[in-house]
């Protein structure tokens, strides 16, 4: 097993989600966008992107809906 450690000094993490549903199919979810607002000290964009990619890969919810629901992610970095 390979463990990858990405050290990021996160002070606050706010996650919000927006969805698009198909009301003709019992309100079935079609699309979900998850937005991350990451606040921290001297945040490195490449490290944040790598951490997000790893979390997406290891997220059982995201992996279970691939092919059925379009999941997108956006983020903003706030250096504080």
PDB file of N, CA and C in Angstrom:
ATOM      1  N   UNK A   1       0.849  -1.178   0.000  1.00  0.00           N
ATOM      2  CA  UNK A   1       0.000   0.000   0.000  1.00  0.00           C
ATOM      3  C   UNK A   1       0.895   1.241   0.000  1.00  0.00           C
ATOM      4  N   UNK A   2       0.535   2.217  -0.790  1.00  0.00           N
ATOM      5  CA  UNK A   2       1.288   3.458  -0.917  1.00  0.00           C
ATOM      6  C   UNK A   2       0.515   4.586  -0.250  1.00  0.00           C
ATOM      7  N   UNK A   3       1.130   5.250   0.671  1.00  0.00           N
ATOM      8  CA  UNK A   3       0.512   6.405   1.337  1.00  0.00           C
ATOM      9  C   UNK A   3       1.188   7.656   0.819  1.00  0.00           C
ATOM     10  N   UNK A   4       0.392   8.605   0.400  1.00  0.00           N
ATOM     11  CA  UNK A   4       0.923   9.881  -0.077  1.00  0.00           C
ATOM     12  C   UNK A   4       0.487  10.954   0.906  1.00  0.00           C
ATOM     13  N   UNK A   5       1.441  11.675   1.436  1.00  0.00           N
ATOM     14  CA  UNK A   5       1.144  12.722   2.409  1.00  0.00           C
ATOM     15  C   UNK A   5       1.313  14.080   1.730  1.00  0.00           C
ATOM     16  N   UNK A   6       0.249  14.845   1.752  1.00  0.00           N
ATOM     17  CA  UNK A   6       0.299  16.191   1.194  1.00  0.00           C
ATOM     18  C   UNK A   6       0.039  17.139   2.356  1.00  0.00           C
ATOM     19  N   UNK A   7       1.027  17.874   2.755  1.00  0.00           N
ATOM     20  CA  UNK A   7       0.877  18.761   3.894  1.00  0.00           C
ATOM     21  C   UNK A   7       0.341  20.113   3.424  1.00  0.00           C
ATOM     22  N   UNK A   8      -0.863  20.426   3.903  1.00  0.00           N
ATOM     23  CA  UNK A   8      -1.508  21.684   3.575  1.00  0.00           C
ATOM     24  C   UNK A   8      -2.034  22.269   4.878  1.00  0.00           C
ATOM     25  N   UNK A   9      -1.742  23.537   5.120  1.00  0.00           N
ATOM     26  CA  UNK A   9      -2.181  24.205   6.343  1.00  0.00           C
ATOM     27  C   UNK A   9      -3.561  24.824   6.120  1.00  0.00           C
ATOM     28  N   UNK A  10      -4.603  24.008   6.299  1.00  0.00           N
ATOM     29  CA  UNK A  10      -5.979  24.469   6.095  1.00  0.00           C
ATOM     30  C   UNK A  10      -6.543  24.984   7.410  1.00  0.00           C
ATOM     31  N   UNK A  11      -7.069  26.192   7.377  1.00  0.00           N
ATOM     32  CA  UNK A  11      -7.681  26.801   8.567  1.00  0.00           C
ATOM     33  C   UNK A  11      -9.194  26.603   8.566  1.00  0.00           C
ATOM     34  N   UNK A  12      -9.798  26.577   7.365  1.00  0.00           N
ATOM     35  CA  UNK A  12     -11.250  26.431   7.267  1.00  0.00           C
ATOM     36  C   UNK A  12     -11.582  25.802   5.923  1.00  0.00           C
ATOM     37  N   UNK A  13     -12.604  24.977   5.921  1.00  0.00           N
ATOM     38  CA  UNK A  13     -13.068  24.340   4.694  1.00  0.00           C
ATOM     39  C   UNK A  13     -14.582  24.409   4.679  1.00  0.00           C
ATOM     40  N   UNK A  14     -15.123  25.062   3.651  1.00  0.00           N
ATOM     41  CA  UNK A  14     -16.572  25.182   3.499  1.00  0.00           C
ATOM     42  C   UNK A  14     -16.948  24.468   2.201  1.00  0.00           C
ATOM     43  N   UNK A  15     -17.915  23.571   2.289  1.00  0.00           N
ATOM     44  CA  UNK A  15     -18.344  22.806   1.124  1.00  0.00           C
ATOM     45  C   UNK A  15     -19.815  23.082   0.868  1.00  0.00           C
ATOM     46  N   UNK A  16     -20.139  23.407  -0.368  1.00  0.00           N
ATOM     47  CA  UNK A  16     -21.537  23.596  -0.751  1.00  0.00           C
ATOM     48  C   UNK A  16     -21.798  22.775  -2.011  1.00  0.00           C
ATOM     49  N   UNK A  17     -23.058  22.456  -2.231  1.00  0.00           N
ATOM     50  CA  UNK A  17     -23.410  21.644  -3.393  1.00  0.00           C
ATOM     51  C   UNK A  17     -24.645  22.209  -4.073  1.00  0.00           C
ATOM     52  N   UNK A  18     -24.641  22.117  -5.386  1.00  0.00           N
ATOM     53  CA  UNK A  18     -25.796  22.476  -6.198  1.00  0.00           C
ATOM     54  C   UNK A  18     -26.129  21.256  -7.038  1.00  0.00           C
ATOM     55  N   UNK A  19     -27.411  21.080  -7.323  1.00  0.00           N
ATOM     56  CA  UNK A  19     -27.794  19.907  -8.091  1.00  0.00           C
ATOM     57  C   UNK A  19     -28.794  20.247  -9.177  1.00  0.00           C
ATOM     58  N   UNK A  20     -28.881  19.346 -10.113  1.00  0.00           N
ATOM     59  CA  UNK A  20     -29.875  19.438 -11.173  1.00  0.00           C
ATOM     60  C   UNK A  20     -30.622  18.113 -11.164  1.00  0.00           C
ATOM     61  N   UNK A  21     -31.959  18.198 -11.062  1.00  0.00           N
ATOM     62  CA  UNK A  21     -32.763  16.986 -10.964  1.00  0.00           C
ATOM     63  C   UNK A  21     -33.695  16.860 -12.158  1.00  0.00           C
ATOM     64  N   UNK A  22     -34.048  15.629 -12.492  1.00  0.00           N
ATOM     65  CA  UNK A  22     -34.986  15.333 -13.564  1.00  0.00           C
ATOM     66  C   UNK A  22     -36.325  15.000 -12.917  1.00  0.00           C
ATOM     67  N   UNK A  23     -37.236  15.942 -12.911  1.00  0.00           N
ATOM     68  CA  UNK A  23     -38.520  15.756 -12.241  1.00  0.00           C
ATOM     69  C   UNK A  23     -39.413  14.758 -12.975  1.00  0.00           C
ATOM     70  N   UNK A  24     -39.129  14.515 -14.247  1.00  0.00           N
ATOM     71  CA  UNK A  24     -39.902  13.527 -14.999  1.00  0.00           C
ATOM     72  C   UNK A  24     -39.535  12.095 -14.613  1.00  0.00           C
ATOM     73  N   UNK A  25     -38.405  11.939 -13.937  1.00  0.00           N
ATOM     74  CA  UNK A  25     -37.966  10.614 -13.486  1.00  0.00           C
ATOM     75  C   UNK A  25     -37.880  10.592 -11.964  1.00  0.00           C
ATOM     76  N   UNK A  26     -38.979  10.955 -11.316  1.00  0.00           N
ATOM     77  CA  UNK A  26     -39.099  10.924  -9.848  1.00  0.00           C
ATOM     78  C   UNK A  26     -38.028  11.746  -9.134  1.00  0.00           C
ATOM     79  N   UNK A  27     -37.650  12.866  -9.747  1.00  0.00           N
ATOM     80  CA  UNK A  27     -36.674  13.756  -9.106  1.00  0.00           C
ATOM     81  C   UNK A  27     -35.260  13.208  -9.109  1.00  0.00           C
ATOM     82  N   UNK A  28     -34.955  12.348 -10.058  1.00  0.00           N
ATOM     83  CA  UNK A  28     -33.628  11.730 -10.149  1.00  0.00           C
ATOM     84  C   UNK A  28     -32.553  12.797 -10.324  1.00  0.00           C
ATOM     85  N   UNK A  29     -31.453  12.647  -9.578  1.00  0.00           N
ATOM     86  CA  UNK A  29     -30.325  13.553  -9.720  1.00  0.00           C
ATOM     87  C   UNK A  29     -29.638  13.303 -11.061  1.00  0.00           C
ATOM     88  N   UNK A  30     -29.398  14.370 -11.795  1.00  0.00           N
ATOM     89  CA  UNK A  30     -28.692  14.292 -13.070  1.00  0.00           C
ATOM     90  C   UNK A  30     -27.268  14.817 -12.932  1.00  0.00           C
ATOM     91  N   UNK A  31     -27.137  15.956 -12.227  1.00  0.00           N
ATOM     92  CA  UNK A  31     -25.835  16.603 -12.070  1.00  0.00           C
ATOM     93  C   UNK A  31     -25.684  17.122 -10.646  1.00  0.00           C
ATOM     94  N   UNK A  32     -24.470  17.045 -10.142  1.00  0.00           N
ATOM     95  CA  UNK A  32     -24.141  17.620  -8.836  1.00  0.00           C
ATOM     96  C   UNK A  32     -22.818  18.361  -8.983  1.00  0.00           C
ATOM     97  N   UNK A  33     -22.778  19.609  -8.515  1.00  0.00           N
ATOM     98  CA  UNK A  33     -21.525  20.356  -8.460  1.00  0.00           C
ATOM     99  C   UNK A  33     -21.200  20.601  -6.991  1.00  0.00           C
ATOM    100  N   UNK A  34     -20.003  20.195  -6.599  1.00  0.00           N
ATOM    101  CA  UNK A  34     -19.536  20.390  -5.233  1.00  0.00           C
ATOM    102  C   UNK A  34     -18.498  21.506  -5.269  1.00  0.00           C
ATOM    103  N   UNK A  35     -18.740  22.548  -4.478  1.00  0.00           N
ATOM    104  CA  UNK A  35     -17.829  23.697  -4.455  1.00  0.00           C
ATOM    105  C   UNK A  35     -17.109  23.730  -3.104  1.00  0.00           C
ATOM    106  N   UNK A  36     -15.787  23.807  -3.149  1.00  0.00           N
ATOM    107  CA  UNK A  36     -14.952  23.854  -1.955  1.00  0.00           C
ATOM    108  C   UNK A  36     -14.383  25.252  -1.807  1.00  0.00           C
ATOM    109  N   UNK A  37     -14.550  25.852  -0.636  1.00  0.00           N
ATOM    110  CA  UNK A  37     -13.900  27.125  -0.318  1.00  0.00           C
ATOM    111  C   UNK A  37     -12.876  26.799   0.759  1.00  0.00           C
ATOM    112  N   UNK A  38     -11.605  26.868   0.377  1.00  0.00           N
ATOM    113  CA  UNK A  38     -10.503  26.431   1.230  1.00  0.00           C
ATOM    114  C   UNK A  38      -9.732  27.644   1.708  1.00  0.00           C
ATOM    115  N   UNK A  39      -9.658  27.799   3.015  1.00  0.00           N
ATOM    116  CA  UNK A  39      -8.936  28.914   3.611  1.00  0.00           C
ATOM    117  C   UNK A  39      -7.730  28.361   4.356  1.00  0.00           C
ATOM    118  N   UNK A  40      -6.575  28.981   4.142  1.00  0.00           N
ATOM    119  CA  UNK A  40      -5.369  28.524   4.826  1.00  0.00           C
ATOM    120  C   UNK A  40      -4.222  29.482   4.618  1.00  0.00           C
ATOM    121  N   UNK A  41      -3.101  29.074   5.163  1.00  0.00           N
ATOM    122  CA  UNK A  41      -1.902  29.908   5.098  1.00  0.00           C
ATOM    123  C   UNK A  41      -0.981  29.393   3.995  1.00  0.00           C
ATOM    124  N   UNK A  42      -0.600  30.279   3.088  1.00  0.00           N
ATOM    125  CA  UNK A  42       0.339  29.958   2.005  1.00  0.00           C
ATOM    126  C   UNK A  42      -0.072  28.693   1.251  1.00  0.00           C
ATOM    127  N   UNK A  43      -1.329  28.605   0.846  1.00  0.00           N
ATOM    128  CA  UNK A  43      -1.817  27.421   0.149  1.00  0.00           C
ATOM    129  C   UNK A  43      -1.227  27.345  -1.255  1.00  0.00           C
ATOM    130  N   UNK A  44      -0.750  26.181  -1.600  1.00  0.00           N
ATOM    131  CA  UNK A  44      -0.153  25.921  -2.899  1.00  0.00           C
ATOM    132  C   UNK A  44      -1.218  25.295  -3.798  1.00  0.00           C
ATOM    133  N   UNK A  45      -1.528  25.951  -4.898  1.00  0.00           N
ATOM    134  CA  UNK A  45      -2.603  25.495  -5.789  1.00  0.00           C
ATOM    135  C   UNK A  45      -2.378  24.056  -6.272  1.00  0.00           C
ATOM    136  N   UNK A  46      -1.150  23.708  -6.628  1.00  0.00           N
ATOM    137  CA  UNK A  46      -0.876  22.355  -7.121  1.00  0.00           C
ATOM    138  C   UNK A  46      -1.125  21.308  -6.038  1.00  0.00           C
ATOM    139  N   UNK A  47      -0.745  21.622  -4.798  1.00  0.00           N
ATOM    140  CA  UNK A  47      -0.987  20.679  -3.701  1.00  0.00           C
ATOM    141  C   UNK A  47      -2.482  20.527  -3.428  1.00  0.00           C
ATOM    142  N   UNK A  48      -3.209  21.627  -3.497  1.00  0.00           N
ATOM    143  CA  UNK A  48      -4.658  21.576  -3.293  1.00  0.00           C
ATOM    144  C   UNK A  48      -5.300  20.728  -4.392  1.00  0.00           C
ATOM    145  N   UNK A  49      -4.905  20.937  -5.630  1.00  0.00           N
ATOM    146  CA  UNK A  49      -5.458  20.163  -6.736  1.00  0.00           C
ATOM    147  C   UNK A  49      -5.140  18.677  -6.600  1.00  0.00           C
ATOM    148  N   UNK A  50      -3.933  18.366  -6.151  1.00  0.00           N
ATOM    149  CA  UNK A  50      -3.543  16.970  -5.964  1.00  0.00           C
ATOM    150  C   UNK A  50      -4.360  16.331  -4.834  1.00  0.00           C
ATOM    151  N   UNK A  51      -4.555  17.065  -3.752  1.00  0.00           N
ATOM    152  CA  UNK A  51      -5.354  16.552  -2.638  1.00  0.00           C
ATOM    153  C   UNK A  51      -6.801  16.319  -3.070  1.00  0.00           C
ATOM    154  N   UNK A  52      -7.342  17.231  -3.870  1.00  0.00           N
ATOM    155  CA  UNK A  52      -8.710  17.071  -4.346  1.00  0.00           C
ATOM    156  C   UNK A  52      -8.829  15.869  -5.276  1.00  0.00           C
ATOM    157  N   UNK A  53      -7.844  15.663  -6.137  1.00  0.00           N
ATOM    158  CA  UNK A  53      -7.872  14.509  -7.040  1.00  0.00           C
ATOM    159  C   UNK A  53      -7.821  13.203  -6.258  1.00  0.00           C
ATOM    160  N   UNK A  54      -6.993  13.156  -5.217  1.00  0.00           N
ATOM    161  CA  UNK A  54      -6.911  11.955  -4.390  1.00  0.00           C
ATOM    162  C   UNK A  54      -8.205  11.713  -3.628  1.00  0.00           C
ATOM    163  N   UNK A  55      -8.802  12.773  -3.116  1.00  0.00           N
ATOM    164  CA  UNK A  55     -10.051  12.594  -2.377  1.00  0.00           C
ATOM    165  C   UNK A  55     -11.172  12.145  -3.311  1.00  0.00           C
ATOM    166  N   UNK A  56     -11.196  12.655  -4.536  1.00  0.00           N
ATOM    167  CA  UNK A  56     -12.196  12.236  -5.524  1.00  0.00           C
ATOM    168  C   UNK A  56     -12.021  10.756  -5.842  1.00  0.00           C
ATOM    169  N   UNK A  57     -10.784  10.329  -6.030  1.00  0.00           N
ATOM    170  CA  UNK A  57     -10.486   8.942  -6.364  1.00  0.00           C
ATOM    171  C   UNK A  57     -10.894   8.000  -5.231  1.00  0.00           C
ATOM    172  N   UNK A  58     -10.743   8.448  -3.998  1.00  0.00           N
ATOM    173  CA  UNK A  58     -11.021   7.597  -2.841  1.00  0.00           C
ATOM    174  C   UNK A  58     -12.399   7.818  -2.228  1.00  0.00           C
ATOM    175  N   UNK A  59     -13.225   8.649  -2.837  1.00  0.00           N
ATOM    176  CA  UNK A  59     -14.564   8.926  -2.315  1.00  0.00           C
ATOM    177  C   UNK A  59     -15.527   7.850  -2.796  1.00  0.00           C
ATOM    178  N   UNK A  60     -16.046   7.046  -1.877  1.00  0.00           N
ATOM    179  CA  UNK A  60     -16.938   5.955  -2.268  1.00  0.00           C
ATOM    180  C   UNK A  60     -18.231   6.472  -2.887  1.00  0.00           C
ATOM    181  N   UNK A  61     -18.739   7.618  -2.426  1.00  0.00           N
ATOM    182  CA  UNK A  61     -19.968   8.170  -2.995  1.00  0.00           C
ATOM    183  C   UNK A  61     -19.748   8.542  -4.459  1.00  0.00           C
ATOM    184  N   UNK A  62     -18.690   9.265  -4.737  1.00  0.00           N
ATOM    185  CA  UNK A  62     -18.401   9.675  -6.108  1.00  0.00           C
ATOM    186  C   UNK A  62     -18.184   8.456  -6.998  1.00  0.00           C
ATOM    187  N   UNK A  63     -17.414   7.505  -6.520  1.00  0.00           N
ATOM    188  CA  UNK A  63     -17.135   6.317  -7.323  1.00  0.00           C
ATOM    189  C   UNK A  63     -18.397   5.496  -7.591  1.00  0.00           C
ATOM    190  N   UNK A  64     -19.338   5.496  -6.659  1.00  0.00           N
ATOM    191  CA  UNK A  64     -20.543   4.682  -6.824  1.00  0.00           C
ATOM    192  C   UNK A  64     -21.539   5.276  -7.823  1.00  0.00           C
ATOM    193  N   UNK A  65     -21.437   6.569  -8.118  1.00  0.00           N
ATOM    194  CA  UNK A  65     -22.398   7.188  -9.041  1.00  0.00           C
ATOM    195  C   UNK A  65     -21.816   7.469 -10.426  1.00  0.00           C
ATOM    196  N   UNK A  66     -20.543   7.152 -10.637  1.00  0.00           N
ATOM    197  CA  UNK A  66     -19.923   7.374 -11.947  1.00  0.00           C
ATOM    198  C   UNK A  66     -20.737   6.648 -13.016  1.00  0.00           C
ATOM    199  N   UNK A  67     -21.060   7.367 -14.067  1.00  0.00           N
ATOM    200  CA  UNK A  67     -21.835   6.797 -15.154  1.00  0.00           C
ATOM    201  C   UNK A  67     -23.327   7.033 -15.010  1.00  0.00           C
ATOM    202  N   UNK A  68     -23.773   7.401 -13.807  1.00  0.00           N
ATOM    203  CA  UNK A  68     -25.193   7.643 -13.568  1.00  0.00           C
ATOM    204  C   UNK A  68     -25.499   9.114 -13.285  1.00  0.00           C
ATOM    205  N   UNK A  69     -24.587   9.764 -12.603  1.00  0.00           N
ATOM    206  CA  UNK A  69     -24.761  11.168 -12.236  1.00  0.00           C
ATOM    207  C   UNK A  69     -23.471  11.907 -12.596  1.00  0.00           C
ATOM    208  N   UNK A  70     -23.619  13.065 -13.233  1.00  0.00           N
ATOM    209  CA  UNK A  70     -22.457  13.887 -13.565  1.00  0.00           C
ATOM    210  C   UNK A  70     -22.039  14.652 -12.317  1.00  0.00           C
ATOM    211  N   UNK A  71     -20.833  14.385 -11.823  1.00  0.00           N
ATOM    212  CA  UNK A  71     -20.320  15.057 -10.631  1.00  0.00           C
ATOM    213  C   UNK A  71     -19.172  15.960 -11.053  1.00  0.00           C
ATOM    214  N   UNK A  72     -19.270  17.248 -10.703  1.00  0.00           N
ATOM    215  CA  UNK A  72     -18.190  18.186 -10.997  1.00  0.00           C
ATOM    216  C   UNK A  72     -17.767  18.867  -9.700  1.00  0.00           C
ATOM    217  N   UNK A  73     -16.560  19.349  -9.690  1.00  0.00           N
ATOM    218  CA  UNK A  73     -16.018  20.031  -8.522  1.00  0.00           C
ATOM    219  C   UNK A  73     -15.413  21.363  -8.938  1.00  0.00           C
ATOM    220  N   UNK A  74     -15.654  22.359  -8.122  1.00  0.00           N
ATOM    221  CA  UNK A  74     -15.005  23.658  -8.281  1.00  0.00           C
ATOM    222  C   UNK A  74     -14.414  24.025  -6.927  1.00  0.00           C
ATOM    223  N   UNK A  75     -13.474  24.934  -6.935  1.00  0.00           N
ATOM    224  CA  UNK A  75     -12.901  25.357  -5.656  1.00  0.00           C
ATOM    225  C   UNK A  75     -12.366  26.765  -5.763  1.00  0.00           C
ATOM    226  N   UNK A  76     -12.235  27.366  -4.589  1.00  0.00           N
ATOM    227  CA  UNK A  76     -11.556  28.651  -4.486  1.00  0.00           C
ATOM    228  C   UNK A  76     -10.619  28.578  -3.293  1.00  0.00           C
ATOM    229  N   UNK A  77      -9.487  29.212  -3.441  1.00  0.00           N
ATOM    230  CA  UNK A  77      -8.477  29.233  -2.388  1.00  0.00           C
ATOM    231  C   UNK A  77      -8.437  30.623  -1.797  1.00  0.00           C
ATOM    232  N   UNK A  78      -8.508  30.693  -0.475  1.00  0.00           N
ATOM    233  CA  UNK A  78      -8.428  31.958   0.239  1.00  0.00           C
ATOM    234  C   UNK A  78      -7.201  31.883   1.151  1.00  0.00           C
ATOM    235  N   UNK A  79      -6.176  32.650   0.818  1.00  0.00           N
ATOM    236  CA  UNK A  79      -4.982  32.680   1.664  1.00  0.00           C
ATOM    237  C   UNK A  79      -5.206  33.659   2.800  1.00  0.00           C
ATOM    238  N   UNK A  80      -5.113  33.134   4.004  1.00  0.00           N
ATOM    239  CA  UNK A  80      -5.342  33.979   5.187  1.00  0.00           C
ATOM    240  C   UNK A  80      -4.327  33.684   6.252  1.00  0.00           C
TER     241      UNK A  80
END
